[in-house]
Amino acid sequence: MTAIQQTSDFYDRLARYYDVLNDWDSRLAFEGPFWRRLLSESNARTVLDAACGTGGHALAFADWGYDVVGADISTRMIDVARQQAARQEGTVADRTRFVVSSLGRLPRRIGPPVDVALCVGNSLPHLLTQRALRAGLSGLIRCLRPGGKLVLHTLNYDLRWQTRPRFFGVNSGRLDGREVLVWRFADYGRARLTFHIALFEQQGDGSWQVNVGSTAQRPVFRDDLLALLAELGVTVEKVLGAFDERPFDPQSSPDLIVVGAVPEQ
């Protein structure tokens, strides 16, 4: 049986393979109109990408002309993000800064408040209690200037907790000339789920090596998230079901995306 890992250990292990999971060209082509419109309408100059992984969003925003701080709890994810920033052309590297931080510690780590803060990619379910979720969101909100915008994204657990899908698609790619496969699956308990990632890497003799990492998650439901944001003083402006800005439907939407604003004063 695979042991449950701390979130940082789980993502440290995944960091080398993380971009195999993300076709960034396709992902940004789909999400790009949403982000460009939101950043423009917010008159943003500075952006915080919390739980940034290997920095795909942060580097794209920097390429669009924004000053970006990317933060992640995984040291190895941040190492990869910094390496990728260093390989960029133009001023992208100068516009990005990456730090290792949990959500709750962000206000002490990022410097001056930012115009827009986001936490996307289903990171919030790693906060395993209501107290931890509140502390994480509070930390993220305290990074915003008065009137700043907050964007949160998870999977649609209103639907997923009912249907309980176990197995997800396999992503493939090549690392150091070797074929790799990344397979995700989940087991569901009464109040939490265990998320697994199996990492397959072909060896020089054609055989395969596989390692499985597992971590706990707690579902985040729409009404609970909205109630918590209201308690924390966030005015919710949009509740969407995908980055194409379709309205959220708890019975069919793939995602839950919440756009809100903190008070002007």
C-alpha atoms as a PDB file:
ATOM      1  CA  MET A   1       0.000   0.000   0.000  1.00  0.00           C
ATOM      2  CA  THR A   2       1.314   3.440  -0.922  1.00  0.00           C
ATOM      3  CA  ALA A   3       1.710   5.834   2.019  1.00  0.00           C
ATOM      4  CA  ILE A   4      -0.145   9.139   2.031  1.00  0.00           C
ATOM      5  CA  GLN A   5       2.362  11.920   1.422  1.00  0.00           C
ATOM      6  CA  GLN A   6       2.482  15.471   2.667  1.00  0.00           C
ATOM      7  CA  THR A   7       1.418  17.885  -0.079  1.00  0.00           C
ATOM      8  CA  SER A   8       4.926  19.304  -0.469  1.00  0.00           C
ATOM      9  CA  ASP A   9       6.499  15.838  -0.755  1.00  0.00           C
ATOM     10  CA  PHE A  10       3.850  14.723  -3.251  1.00  0.00           C
ATOM     11  CA  TYR A  11       4.508  17.679  -5.540  1.00  0.00           C
ATOM     12  CA  ASP A  12       8.269  17.571  -5.078  1.00  0.00           C
ATOM     13  CA  ARG A  13       8.098  14.074  -6.507  1.00  0.00           C
ATOM     14  CA  LEU A  14       5.815  15.162  -9.327  1.00  0.00           C
ATOM     15  CA  ALA A  15       7.762  18.289 -10.323  1.00  0.00           C
ATOM     16  CA  ARG A  16       9.925  16.638 -12.983  1.00  0.00           C
ATOM     17  CA  TYR A  17       6.821  15.233 -14.691  1.00  0.00           C
ATOM     18  CA  TYR A  18       4.424  18.117 -14.090  1.00  0.00           C
ATOM     19  CA  ASP A  19       4.563  19.653 -17.530  1.00  0.00           C
ATOM     20  CA  VAL A  20       3.745  16.282 -19.091  1.00  0.00           C
ATOM     21  CA  LEU A  21       0.345  16.775 -17.435  1.00  0.00           C
ATOM     22  CA  ASN A  22      -0.114  20.186 -19.049  1.00  0.00           C
ATOM     23  CA  ASP A  23      -0.167  20.977 -22.736  1.00  0.00           C
ATOM     24  CA  TRP A  24       0.493  24.648 -22.021  1.00  0.00           C
ATOM     25  CA  ASP A  25      -0.002  25.809 -25.605  1.00  0.00           C
ATOM     26  CA  SER A  26      -3.495  24.296 -25.736  1.00  0.00           C
ATOM     27  CA  ARG A  27      -4.330  25.242 -22.166  1.00  0.00           C
ATOM     28  CA  LEU A  28      -3.383  28.886 -22.603  1.00  0.00           C
ATOM     29  CA  ALA A  29      -5.170  29.059 -25.952  1.00  0.00           C
ATOM     30  CA  PHE A  30      -8.359  27.999 -24.137  1.00  0.00           C
ATOM     31  CA  GLU A  31      -7.876  30.003 -20.934  1.00  0.00           C
ATOM     32  CA  GLY A  32      -6.099  32.999 -22.474  1.00  0.00           C
ATOM     33  CA  PRO A  33      -9.175  35.084 -23.399  1.00  0.00           C
ATOM     34  CA  PHE A  34     -10.483  34.767 -19.823  1.00  0.00           C
ATOM     35  CA  TRP A  35      -7.200  35.869 -18.259  1.00  0.00           C
ATOM     36  CA  ARG A  36      -6.513  38.668 -20.724  1.00  0.00           C
ATOM     37  CA  ARG A  37      -9.984  40.116 -20.205  1.00  0.00           C
ATOM     38  CA  LEU A  38      -9.872  39.830 -16.414  1.00  0.00           C
ATOM     39  CA  LEU A  39      -6.412  41.369 -16.097  1.00  0.00           C
ATOM     40  CA  SER A  40      -7.293  44.187 -18.489  1.00  0.00           C
ATOM     41  CA  GLU A  41     -10.628  44.978 -16.824  1.00  0.00           C
ATOM     42  CA  SER A  42      -8.904  44.945 -13.416  1.00  0.00           C
ATOM     43  CA  ASN A  43      -6.328  47.522 -14.581  1.00  0.00           C
ATOM     44  CA  ALA A  44      -3.781  45.091 -13.223  1.00  0.00           C
ATOM     45  CA  ARG A  45      -0.049  45.588 -13.220  1.00  0.00           C
ATOM     46  CA  THR A  46       0.907  43.010 -10.589  1.00  0.00           C
ATOM     47  CA  VAL A  47      -0.275  39.404 -10.245  1.00  0.00           C
ATOM     48  CA  LEU A  48       0.187  36.683  -7.645  1.00  0.00           C
ATOM     49  CA  ASP A  49      -0.070  33.095  -8.895  1.00  0.00           C
ATOM     50  CA  ALA A  50      -0.450  30.991  -5.739  1.00  0.00           C
ATOM     51  CA  ALA A  51       0.163  27.242  -6.026  1.00  0.00           C
ATOM     52  CA  CYS A  52       1.877  28.063  -9.316  1.00  0.00           C
ATOM     53  CA  GLY A  53       3.457  24.667  -9.964  1.00  0.00           C
ATOM     54  CA  THR A  54       6.175  24.974 -12.587  1.00  0.00           C
ATOM     55  CA  GLY A  55       5.064  28.492 -13.485  1.00  0.00           C
ATOM     56  CA  GLY A  56       3.093  28.069 -16.717  1.00  0.00           C
ATOM     57  CA  HIS A  57       0.529  30.762 -15.931  1.00  0.00           C
ATOM     58  CA  ALA A  58       3.032  33.074 -14.259  1.00  0.00           C
ATOM     59  CA  LEU A  59       5.380  33.031 -17.242  1.00  0.00           C
ATOM     60  CA  ALA A  60       2.503  33.632 -19.659  1.00  0.00           C
ATOM     61  CA  PHE A  61       1.319  36.649 -17.655  1.00  0.00           C
ATOM     62  CA  ALA A  62       4.863  38.023 -17.575  1.00  0.00           C
ATOM     63  CA  ASP A  63       5.080  37.590 -21.332  1.00  0.00           C
ATOM     64  CA  TRP A  64       1.891  39.677 -21.603  1.00  0.00           C
ATOM     65  CA  GLY A  65       3.584  42.499 -19.699  1.00  0.00           C
ATOM     66  CA  TYR A  66       2.564  41.934 -16.062  1.00  0.00           C
ATOM     67  CA  ASP A  67       4.853  41.734 -13.040  1.00  0.00           C
ATOM     68  CA  VAL A  68       4.233  38.346 -11.453  1.00  0.00           C
ATOM     69  CA  VAL A  69       5.056  36.533  -8.236  1.00  0.00           C
ATOM     70  CA  GLY A  70       4.614  32.772  -8.378  1.00  0.00           C
ATOM     71  CA  ALA A  71       4.419  30.810  -5.130  1.00  0.00           C
ATOM     72  CA  ASP A  72       4.210  27.115  -4.359  1.00  0.00           C
ATOM     73  CA  ILE A  73       4.663  24.894  -1.330  1.00  0.00           C
ATOM     74  CA  SER A  74       6.908  22.561  -3.348  1.00  0.00           C
ATOM     75  CA  THR A  75      10.580  23.544  -3.458  1.00  0.00           C
ATOM     76  CA  ARG A  76      11.183  21.409  -6.527  1.00  0.00           C
ATOM     77  CA  MET A  77       8.262  22.954  -8.412  1.00  0.00           C
ATOM     78  CA  ILE A  78       9.745  26.383  -7.737  1.00  0.00           C
ATOM     79  CA  ASP A  79      13.172  25.168  -8.858  1.00  0.00           C
ATOM     80  CA  VAL A  80      11.686  24.109 -12.203  1.00  0.00           C
ATOM     81  CA  ALA A  81       9.769  27.394 -12.525  1.00  0.00           C
ATOM     82  CA  ARG A  82      12.942  29.410 -11.953  1.00  0.00           C
ATOM     83  CA  GLN A  83      14.822  27.329 -14.512  1.00  0.00           C
ATOM     84  CA  GLN A  84      12.074  27.874 -17.069  1.00  0.00           C
ATOM     85  CA  ALA A  85      12.019  31.606 -16.386  1.00  0.00           C
ATOM     86  CA  ALA A  86      15.774  31.777 -16.934  1.00  0.00           C
ATOM     87  CA  ARG A  87      15.326  30.204 -20.379  1.00  0.00           C
ATOM     88  CA  GLN A  88      12.773  32.772 -21.519  1.00  0.00           C
ATOM     89  CA  GLU A  89      13.613  35.506 -23.978  1.00  0.00           C
ATOM     90  CA  GLY A  90      13.100  39.243 -23.492  1.00  0.00           C
ATOM     91  CA  THR A  91      11.991  40.619 -20.146  1.00  0.00           C
ATOM     92  CA  VAL A  92       9.951  37.622 -18.942  1.00  0.00           C
ATOM     93  CA  ALA A  93      12.569  36.547 -16.388  1.00  0.00           C
ATOM     94  CA  ASP A  94      12.826  40.107 -15.080  1.00  0.00           C
ATOM     95  CA  ARG A  95       9.055  40.273 -14.615  1.00  0.00           C
ATOM     96  CA  THR A  96       8.775  37.028 -12.618  1.00  0.00           C
ATOM     97  CA  ARG A  97       9.789  36.117  -9.099  1.00  0.00           C
ATOM     98  CA  PHE A  98       9.205  32.698  -7.570  1.00  0.00           C
ATOM     99  CA  VAL A  99       9.022  31.896  -3.854  1.00  0.00           C
ATOM    100  CA  VAL A 100       8.373  28.808  -1.765  1.00  0.00           C
ATOM    101  CA  SER A 101       5.344  29.438   0.436  1.00  0.00           C
ATOM    102  CA  SER A 102       2.092  28.038   1.701  1.00  0.00           C
ATOM    103  CA  LEU A 103      -1.024  30.149   1.189  1.00  0.00           C
ATOM    104  CA  GLY A 104      -1.166  31.268   4.806  1.00  0.00           C
ATOM    105  CA  ARG A 105       2.387  32.622   4.781  1.00  0.00           C
ATOM    106  CA  LEU A 106       2.082  34.499   1.493  1.00  0.00           C
ATOM    107  CA  PRO A 107       1.615  38.020   2.961  1.00  0.00           C
ATOM    108  CA  ARG A 108       5.087  37.755   4.535  1.00  0.00           C
ATOM    109  CA  ARG A 109       6.690  36.353   1.398  1.00  0.00           C
ATOM    110  CA  ILE A 110       5.506  38.282  -1.641  1.00  0.00           C
ATOM    111  CA  GLY A 111       6.231  41.934  -0.799  1.00  0.00           C
ATOM    112  CA  PRO A 112       3.804  44.756  -1.691  1.00  0.00           C
ATOM    113  CA  PRO A 113       0.113  43.925  -2.269  1.00  0.00           C
ATOM    114  CA  VAL A 114      -0.866  42.880  -5.789  1.00  0.00           C
ATOM    115  CA  ASP A 115      -3.737  43.784  -8.096  1.00  0.00           C
ATOM    116  CA  VAL A 116      -4.878  40.233  -8.863  1.00  0.00           C
ATOM    117  CA  ALA A 117      -4.335  37.011  -6.899  1.00  0.00           C
ATOM    118  CA  LEU A 118      -5.226  33.589  -8.228  1.00  0.00           C
ATOM    119  CA  CYS A 119      -5.152  30.017  -7.006  1.00  0.00           C
ATOM    120  CA  VAL A 120      -6.013  27.639  -9.837  1.00  0.00           C
ATOM    121  CA  GLY A 121      -5.439  24.007 -10.703  1.00  0.00           C
ATOM    122  CA  ASN A 122      -7.437  22.301  -7.942  1.00  0.00           C
ATOM    123  CA  SER A 123      -5.037  23.253  -5.152  1.00  0.00           C
ATOM    124  CA  LEU A 124      -7.599  24.255  -2.510  1.00  0.00           C
ATOM    125  CA  PRO A 125      -8.659  20.631  -1.778  1.00  0.00           C
ATOM    126  CA  HIS A 126      -5.216  20.044  -0.280  1.00  0.00           C
ATOM    127  CA  LEU A 127      -6.353  22.174   2.686  1.00  0.00           C
ATOM    128  CA  LEU A 128      -7.825  19.356   4.731  1.00  0.00           C
ATOM    129  CA  THR A 129      -9.912  21.198   7.338  1.00  0.00           C
ATOM    130  CA  GLN A 130     -12.231  24.187   7.289  1.00  0.00           C
ATOM    131  CA  ARG A 131      -9.782  25.985   9.538  1.00  0.00           C
ATOM    132  CA  ALA A 132      -6.922  25.342   7.089  1.00  0.00           C
ATOM    133  CA  LEU A 133      -9.033  26.477   4.133  1.00  0.00           C
ATOM    134  CA  ARG A 134     -10.024  29.660   5.940  1.00  0.00           C
ATOM    135  CA  ALA A 135      -6.413  30.401   6.891  1.00  0.00           C
ATOM    136  CA  GLY A 136      -5.206  29.773   3.340  1.00  0.00           C
ATOM    137  CA  LEU A 137      -7.842  31.988   1.766  1.00  0.00           C
ATOM    138  CA  SER A 138      -7.250  34.678   4.369  1.00  0.00           C
ATOM    139  CA  GLY A 139      -3.562  34.679   3.522  1.00  0.00           C
ATOM    140  CA  LEU A 140      -4.288  34.950  -0.181  1.00  0.00           C
ATOM    141  CA  ILE A 141      -6.790  37.781   0.345  1.00  0.00           C
ATOM    142  CA  ARG A 142      -4.340  39.743   2.513  1.00  0.00           C
ATOM    143  CA  CYS A 143      -1.963  39.827  -0.463  1.00  0.00           C
ATOM    144  CA  LEU A 144      -4.418  42.001  -2.428  1.00  0.00           C
ATOM    145  CA  ARG A 145      -4.529  45.766  -2.602  1.00  0.00           C
ATOM    146  CA  PRO A 146      -7.879  47.412  -1.706  1.00  0.00           C
ATOM    147  CA  GLY A 147     -10.267  46.633  -4.555  1.00  0.00           C
ATOM    148  CA  GLY A 148      -8.030  43.841  -5.865  1.00  0.00           C
ATOM    149  CA  LYS A 149      -9.415  40.798  -7.656  1.00  0.00           C
ATOM    150  CA  LEU A 150      -9.349  37.187  -6.466  1.00  0.00           C
ATOM    151  CA  VAL A 151      -9.727  34.155  -8.767  1.00  0.00           C
ATOM    152  CA  LEU A 152     -10.184  30.657  -7.322  1.00  0.00           C
ATOM    153  CA  HIS A 153     -10.503  27.425  -9.275  1.00  0.00           C
ATOM    154  CA  THR A 154     -11.203  23.815  -8.296  1.00  0.00           C
ATOM    155  CA  LEU A 155     -12.839  20.867  -9.948  1.00  0.00           C
ATOM    156  CA  ASN A 156     -16.618  20.700  -9.587  1.00  0.00           C
ATOM    157  CA  TYR A 157     -16.892  18.660  -6.410  1.00  0.00           C
ATOM    158  CA  ASP A 158     -20.648  19.190  -6.230  1.00  0.00           C
ATOM    159  CA  LEU A 159     -20.760  16.785  -9.180  1.00  0.00           C
ATOM    160  CA  ARG A 160     -17.624  14.753  -8.555  1.00  0.00           C
ATOM    161  CA  TRP A 161     -18.603  13.829  -5.006  1.00  0.00           C
ATOM    162  CA  GLN A 162     -21.820  12.335  -6.383  1.00  0.00           C
ATOM    163  CA  THR A 163     -20.366  10.485  -9.365  1.00  0.00           C
ATOM    164  CA  ARG A 164     -17.016   9.581  -7.766  1.00  0.00           C
ATOM    165  CA  PRO A 165     -14.991   8.955 -10.921  1.00  0.00           C
ATOM    166  CA  ARG A 166     -11.942   6.829 -10.125  1.00  0.00           C
ATOM    167  CA  PHE A 167      -9.775   6.773 -13.223  1.00  0.00           C
ATOM    168  CA  PHE A 168      -8.594   9.663 -15.374  1.00  0.00           C
ATOM    169  CA  GLY A 169      -6.788   9.981 -18.668  1.00  0.00           C
ATOM    170  CA  VAL A 170      -3.151   9.083 -19.196  1.00  0.00           C
ATOM    171  CA  ASN A 171      -0.791  11.875 -20.262  1.00  0.00           C
ATOM    172  CA  SER A 172       2.356  11.019 -22.195  1.00  0.00           C
ATOM    173  CA  GLY A 173       5.558  12.767 -23.150  1.00  0.00           C
ATOM    174  CA  ARG A 174       9.334  12.439 -23.225  1.00  0.00           C
ATOM    175  CA  LEU A 175      11.906  13.402 -20.601  1.00  0.00           C
ATOM    176  CA  ASP A 176      15.629  13.080 -21.221  1.00  0.00           C
ATOM    177  CA  GLY A 177      14.866  11.073 -24.340  1.00  0.00           C
ATOM    178  CA  ARG A 178      12.700   8.540 -22.493  1.00  0.00           C
ATOM    179  CA  GLU A 179       8.971   8.013 -22.835  1.00  0.00           C
ATOM    180  CA  VAL A 180       6.972   8.813 -19.685  1.00  0.00           C
ATOM    181  CA  LEU A 181       3.327   8.274 -18.786  1.00  0.00           C
ATOM    182  CA  VAL A 182       1.403  10.012 -16.010  1.00  0.00           C
ATOM    183  CA  TRP A 183      -1.811   8.342 -14.802  1.00  0.00           C
ATOM    184  CA  ARG A 184      -4.153   9.809 -12.194  1.00  0.00           C
ATOM    185  CA  PHE A 185      -6.773   7.995 -10.138  1.00  0.00           C
ATOM    186  CA  ALA A 186      -8.637   8.459  -6.868  1.00  0.00           C
ATOM    187  CA  ASP A 187     -10.185   6.587  -3.947  1.00  0.00           C
ATOM    188  CA  TYR A 188     -13.094   8.123  -2.048  1.00  0.00           C
ATOM    189  CA  GLY A 189     -13.777   8.045   1.671  1.00  0.00           C
ATOM    190  CA  ARG A 190     -16.563   9.507   3.788  1.00  0.00           C
ATOM    191  CA  ALA A 191     -15.227  13.067   3.918  1.00  0.00           C
ATOM    192  CA  ARG A 192     -11.961  12.985   1.964  1.00  0.00           C
ATOM    193  CA  LEU A 193     -10.441  11.364  -1.065  1.00  0.00           C
ATOM    194  CA  THR A 194      -6.999   9.975  -1.748  1.00  0.00           C
ATOM    195  CA  PHE A 195      -5.513  11.232  -4.998  1.00  0.00           C
ATOM    196  CA  HIS A 196      -2.895   9.034  -6.648  1.00  0.00           C
ATOM    197  CA  ILE A 197      -0.465   9.696  -9.478  1.00  0.00           C
ATOM    198  CA  ALA A 198       1.406   6.807 -11.101  1.00  0.00           C
ATOM    199  CA  LEU A 199       4.591   7.863 -12.885  1.00  0.00           C
ATOM    200  CA  PHE A 200       5.784   5.456 -15.568  1.00  0.00           C
ATOM    201  CA  GLU A 201       9.233   5.931 -17.115  1.00  0.00           C
ATOM    202  CA  GLN A 202      10.713   3.702 -19.787  1.00  0.00           C
ATOM    203  CA  GLN A 203      14.239   2.528 -19.070  1.00  0.00           C
ATOM    204  CA  GLY A 204      17.147   2.178 -21.483  1.00  0.00           C
ATOM    205  CA  ASP A 205      16.502  -1.552 -21.917  1.00  0.00           C
ATOM    206  CA  GLY A 206      12.853  -0.950 -22.825  1.00  0.00           C
ATOM    207  CA  SER A 207      11.452  -1.987 -19.448  1.00  0.00           C
ATOM    208  CA  TRP A 208       9.263   0.333 -17.385  1.00  0.00           C
ATOM    209  CA  GLN A 209       9.763   1.733 -13.917  1.00  0.00           C
ATOM    210  CA  VAL A 210       6.686   2.930 -12.045  1.00  0.00           C
ATOM    211  CA  ASN A 211       6.310   4.979  -8.878  1.00  0.00           C
ATOM    212  CA  VAL A 212       3.001   5.847  -7.254  1.00  0.00           C
ATOM    213  CA  GLY A 213       2.485   8.903  -5.055  1.00  0.00           C
ATOM    214  CA  SER A 214      -0.635   9.490  -2.979  1.00  0.00           C
ATOM    215  CA  THR A 215      -1.989  12.507  -1.132  1.00  0.00           C
ATOM    216  CA  ALA A 216      -5.177  13.378   0.739  1.00  0.00           C
ATOM    217  CA  GLN A 217      -7.715  15.909  -0.513  1.00  0.00           C
ATOM    218  CA  ARG A 218     -10.904  17.395   0.913  1.00  0.00           C
ATOM    219  CA  PRO A 219     -13.710  18.336  -1.496  1.00  0.00           C
ATOM    220  CA  VAL A 220     -14.542  22.024  -1.870  1.00  0.00           C
ATOM    221  CA  PHE A 221     -18.222  22.645  -2.574  1.00  0.00           C
ATOM    222  CA  ARG A 222     -19.634  25.784  -4.147  1.00  0.00           C
ATOM    223  CA  ASP A 223     -21.948  26.907  -1.347  1.00  0.00           C
ATOM    224  CA  ASP A 224     -19.334  26.288   1.341  1.00  0.00           C
ATOM    225  CA  LEU A 225     -16.703  28.251  -0.593  1.00  0.00           C
ATOM    226  CA  LEU A 226     -19.048  31.168  -1.270  1.00  0.00           C
ATOM    227  CA  ALA A 227     -20.106  31.338   2.384  1.00  0.00           C
ATOM    228  CA  LEU A 228     -16.484  31.373   3.520  1.00  0.00           C
ATOM    229  CA  LEU A 229     -15.562  34.121   1.049  1.00  0.00           C
ATOM    230  CA  ALA A 230     -18.473  36.212   2.308  1.00  0.00           C
ATOM    231  CA  GLU A 231     -17.210  35.782   5.883  1.00  0.00           C
ATOM    232  CA  LEU A 232     -13.782  36.954   4.731  1.00  0.00           C
ATOM    233  CA  GLY A 233     -15.210  40.095   3.126  1.00  0.00           C
ATOM    234  CA  VAL A 234     -14.909  39.095  -0.536  1.00  0.00           C
ATOM    235  CA  THR A 235     -17.650  40.273  -2.898  1.00  0.00           C
ATOM    236  CA  VAL A 236     -18.291  37.470  -5.371  1.00  0.00           C
ATOM    237  CA  GLU A 237     -18.749  38.788  -8.905  1.00  0.00           C
ATOM    238  CA  LYS A 238     -18.885  35.612 -11.015  1.00  0.00           C
ATOM    239  CA  VAL A 239     -19.329  31.888 -10.438  1.00  0.00           C
ATOM    240  CA  LEU A 240     -18.306  30.031 -13.582  1.00  0.00           C
ATOM    241  CA  GLY A 241     -18.181  26.421 -14.693  1.00  0.00           C
ATOM    242  CA  ALA A 242     -15.155  26.646 -17.004  1.00  0.00           C
ATOM    243  CA  PHE A 243     -12.651  29.154 -18.337  1.00  0.00           C
ATOM    244  CA  ASP A 244     -14.865  29.752 -21.386  1.00  0.00           C
ATOM    245  CA  GLU A 245     -17.038  31.632 -18.834  1.00  0.00           C
ATOM    246  CA  ARG A 246     -20.092  29.391 -19.021  1.00  0.00           C
ATOM    247  CA  PRO A 247     -22.229  29.726 -15.849  1.00  0.00           C
ATOM    248  CA  PHE A 248     -21.616  27.186 -13.117  1.00  0.00           C
ATOM    249  CA  ASP A 249     -23.994  24.224 -13.127  1.00  0.00           C
ATOM    250  CA  PRO A 250     -23.452  21.873 -10.181  1.00  0.00           C
ATOM    251  CA  GLN A 251     -24.783  18.936 -12.203  1.00  0.00           C
ATOM    252  CA  SER A 252     -22.658  19.333 -15.337  1.00  0.00           C
ATOM    253  CA  SER A 253     -19.837  21.864 -15.131  1.00  0.00           C
ATOM    254  CA  PRO A 254     -16.295  20.471 -15.189  1.00  0.00           C
ATOM    255  CA  ASP A 255     -14.902  23.191 -12.934  1.00  0.00           C
ATOM    256  CA  LEU A 256     -15.782  25.725 -10.274  1.00  0.00           C
ATOM    257  CA  ILE A 257     -14.288  29.182 -10.842  1.00  0.00           C
ATOM    258  CA  VAL A 258     -15.031  32.062  -8.502  1.00  0.00           C
ATOM    259  CA  VAL A 259     -14.102  35.660  -9.311  1.00  0.00           C
ATOM    260  CA  GLY A 260     -14.383  38.152  -6.473  1.00  0.00           C
ATOM    261  CA  ALA A 261     -13.094  41.471  -5.199  1.00  0.00           C
ATOM    262  CA  VAL A 262     -11.918  42.708  -1.822  1.00  0.00           C
ATOM    263  CA  PRO A 263     -13.260  46.015  -0.438  1.00  0.00           C
ATOM    264  CA  GLU A 264     -11.877  49.291  -1.764  1.00  0.00           C
ATOM    265  CA  GLN A 265     -11.128  50.446   1.788  1.00  0.00           C
END
